[in-house]
Amino acid sequence: MKRRQLMAFVILLMLAGCGKREHVVPPSLAKLVGTWQLIEPDSSYAVTLTFTYDNNNPPIDITPFIINGQSSVNTYTARMFATVDGTMQINEVVRTEKAGSAAAMQFEESYLANLKTVVRFESPTENRIHLFHGGAKSGVLVYKKL
């Protein structure tokens, strides 16, 4: 009887593992995690961008991230999705509602508009990422790792 119980237990353990998929983040996406500082096209302000995993949505074909950072005046947050081939999409960006100088506010509007239209990323070195954006005026946001 003990042998049958043992076999039944082993079968239950095997069935419990069926359908579960281990979630592994590819190295090209894992290196996004951390805090980055904007260095181009304009680094007049200490603009940061922090990537963390979205633990509520484990990666399958895409890797979800929560991003947040400091712009010229406000802090901001958004959800971001990235794939191993460099495709990237950012959902709605939410920011605090502080006011600043006209120049700082204009910079922030431009920066966040560019961030919202990011479609692709590259990481030419361990300490640099390039976020390519579209929108009215396409370009590249370049960050260095802090």
Protein backbone atom coordinates (compact mmCIF):
# COMPACT_ATOMS: atom_id res chain seq x y z
CA MET A 1 0.00 0.00 0.00
CA LYS A 2 2.82 2.42 0.78
CA ARG A 3 4.24 1.92 -2.71
CA ARG A 4 0.89 2.92 -4.28
CA GLN A 5 0.70 6.01 -2.08
CA LEU A 6 4.22 6.95 -3.06
CA MET A 7 3.44 6.49 -6.77
CA ALA A 8 0.25 8.56 -6.42
CA PHE A 9 2.23 11.28 -4.66
CA VAL A 10 4.90 11.30 -7.40
CA ILE A 11 2.21 11.52 -10.11
CA LEU A 12 0.54 14.43 -8.31
CA LEU A 13 3.87 16.26 -8.08
CA MET A 14 4.49 15.74 -11.78
CA LEU A 15 1.01 16.98 -12.68
CA ALA A 16 1.39 20.01 -10.42
CA GLY A 17 4.42 21.08 -12.47
CA CYS A 18 2.65 20.71 -15.83
CA GLY A 19 1.74 23.94 -17.53
CA LYS A 20 4.11 26.03 -15.45
CA ARG A 21 6.66 27.91 -17.46
CA GLU A 22 9.82 29.26 -15.96
CA HIS A 23 10.10 32.96 -16.66
CA VAL A 24 13.61 33.90 -17.67
CA VAL A 25 14.49 37.42 -18.72
CA PRO A 26 16.97 37.52 -21.61
CA PRO A 27 20.28 39.25 -20.77
CA SER A 28 19.66 41.99 -23.35
CA LEU A 29 16.53 42.99 -21.41
CA ALA A 30 17.88 42.29 -17.93
CA LYS A 31 20.57 44.92 -18.38
CA LEU A 32 17.88 47.60 -18.71
CA VAL A 33 17.10 47.24 -14.99
CA GLY A 34 18.53 50.10 -12.98
CA THR A 35 18.68 53.87 -13.04
CA TRP A 36 19.80 55.79 -16.10
CA GLN A 37 20.48 59.49 -16.65
CA LEU A 38 19.69 61.35 -19.86
CA ILE A 39 22.83 62.63 -21.59
CA GLU A 40 21.54 63.43 -25.09
CA PRO A 41 20.00 65.33 -26.81
CA ASP A 42 19.96 67.77 -23.86
CA SER A 43 21.30 67.10 -20.39
CA SER A 44 20.64 70.55 -18.92
CA TYR A 45 18.44 68.91 -16.29
CA ALA A 46 19.14 65.84 -14.15
CA VAL A 47 16.59 63.64 -15.96
CA THR A 48 16.52 60.03 -14.80
CA LEU A 49 14.81 56.86 -15.98
CA THR A 50 14.58 53.78 -13.73
CA PHE A 51 13.59 50.34 -15.04
CA THR A 52 12.20 47.72 -12.65
CA TYR A 53 10.48 44.45 -13.49
CA ASP A 54 6.71 44.44 -13.40
CA ASN A 55 6.45 41.49 -11.02
CA ASN A 56 2.68 41.31 -11.40
CA ASN A 57 3.11 40.39 -15.08
CA PRO A 58 5.91 37.87 -15.59
CA PRO A 59 7.71 37.89 -18.95
CA ILE A 60 6.60 35.46 -21.63
CA ASP A 61 7.27 36.78 -25.15
CA ILE A 62 7.63 40.35 -23.94
CA THR A 63 9.15 41.67 -20.74
CA PRO A 64 7.04 44.20 -18.83
CA PHE A 65 8.76 46.92 -16.85
CA ILE A 66 7.62 49.71 -14.59
CA ILE A 67 9.57 52.86 -15.35
CA ASN A 68 9.80 56.00 -13.28
CA GLY A 69 12.07 58.93 -13.08
CA GLN A 70 12.67 62.59 -12.52
CA SER A 71 12.20 65.04 -15.35
CA SER A 72 13.11 68.73 -15.25
CA VAL A 73 10.24 69.54 -12.87
CA ASN A 74 8.05 66.51 -12.15
CA THR A 75 8.46 62.85 -11.36
CA TYR A 76 6.85 60.41 -13.78
CA THR A 77 5.91 56.73 -14.07
CA ALA A 78 4.66 54.39 -16.80
CA ARG A 79 4.48 50.76 -17.88
CA MET A 80 6.88 49.66 -20.60
CA PHE A 81 7.12 46.49 -22.67
CA ALA A 82 10.30 45.33 -24.40
CA THR A 83 11.25 42.38 -26.57
CA VAL A 84 14.56 40.70 -27.21
CA ASP A 85 14.68 42.12 -30.77
CA GLY A 86 14.74 45.69 -29.41
CA THR A 87 11.08 46.60 -29.84
CA MET A 88 9.78 48.78 -27.04
CA GLN A 89 6.40 50.30 -26.21
CA ILE A 90 5.49 52.68 -23.41
CA ASN A 91 1.97 52.96 -22.07
CA GLU A 92 0.50 56.16 -20.66
CA VAL A 93 3.01 58.29 -18.79
CA VAL A 94 1.70 59.75 -15.53
CA ARG A 95 3.45 62.62 -13.81
CA THR A 96 3.14 64.79 -10.76
CA GLU A 97 1.66 68.24 -11.21
CA LYS A 98 4.37 70.66 -10.09
CA ALA A 99 5.15 73.83 -11.98
CA GLY A 100 8.55 75.25 -12.82
CA SER A 101 10.15 77.84 -15.03
CA ALA A 102 8.88 78.17 -18.59
CA ALA A 103 12.12 76.65 -19.95
CA ALA A 104 11.95 73.68 -17.57
CA MET A 105 8.27 73.07 -18.38
CA GLN A 106 8.94 73.22 -22.13
CA PHE A 107 11.85 70.81 -21.77
CA GLU A 108 9.68 68.41 -19.79
CA GLU A 109 6.82 68.53 -22.32
CA SER A 110 9.24 67.73 -25.11
CA TYR A 111 11.02 64.97 -23.16
CA LEU A 112 7.82 63.21 -22.10
CA ALA A 113 6.34 63.51 -25.62
CA ASN A 114 9.46 61.80 -26.98
CA LEU A 115 9.42 59.15 -24.25
CA LYS A 116 5.77 58.30 -25.02
CA THR A 117 6.66 57.55 -28.64
CA VAL A 118 9.65 55.23 -28.01
CA VAL A 119 9.49 52.26 -30.39
CA ARG A 120 12.92 50.68 -30.15
CA PHE A 121 15.97 50.43 -27.93
CA GLU A 122 19.62 49.53 -28.34
CA SER A 123 22.33 49.05 -25.79
CA PRO A 124 25.67 49.69 -27.54
CA THR A 125 27.59 49.26 -24.26
CA GLU A 126 26.84 48.04 -20.75
CA ASN A 127 26.54 51.65 -19.56
CA ARG A 128 24.55 53.21 -22.43
CA ILE A 129 21.08 52.77 -23.84
CA HIS A 130 19.51 54.48 -26.82
CA LEU A 131 15.74 54.86 -26.96
CA PHE A 132 14.52 55.63 -30.49
CA HIS A 133 11.31 57.64 -30.65
CA GLY A 134 8.92 58.67 -33.39
CA GLY A 135 6.21 61.27 -33.12
CA ALA A 136 6.28 64.69 -34.73
CA LYS A 137 10.07 64.82 -34.55
CA SER A 138 11.83 61.46 -34.42
CA GLY A 139 15.16 61.05 -32.68
CA VAL A 140 17.15 59.26 -30.01
CA LEU A 141 17.23 59.63 -26.24
CA VAL A 142 20.66 58.55 -24.94
CA TYR A 143 21.16 57.55 -21.30
CA LYS A 144 24.13 56.50 -19.18
CA LYS A 145 23.79 54.06 -16.30
CA LEU A 146 24.15 55.51 -12.81
